[in-house]
Amino acid sequence: MVLFLAKNSTCLFDIGANIGQTALVGGVLGNLKRIILVDPNPDALVYASTNLILNNLASNCSFFTGFVGEKNEEQVKFYTLGVGSAGSMFGSHAETAKMVNSFIM
């Protein structure tokens, strides 16, 4: 799906970008002129920007720390266990992700 969109679009919005996997695939394999990455975890965006810099794609990218919610201007706490892990506005979801990740071999 990402490949189709990247080849048939000039701009990619990577919402929930994490470490930039979708942006990287779209940027390398597509015809994108602009990539916009949004993630609530600023540490993840550091990794995303590094990935895109290493692949000579960062000049067409913009990075935004943000969270999509139900209300405008609402402050929302975001729980995460670190870069590359699940995140949520619900602390229990982050703990669930921690339990799941602890069993991955």
Foldseek 3Di string as FASTA:
>chain_A
DLLVDLAVDQEAEAEQCQLNPSVLCSQVRHNYQAYEYEEQDVQSVVNNLVSCVVVVRNVRYDYYRDDDDDDPPDDADKDAPDGPWDIDSDNVVRVVRVVVVVPDD
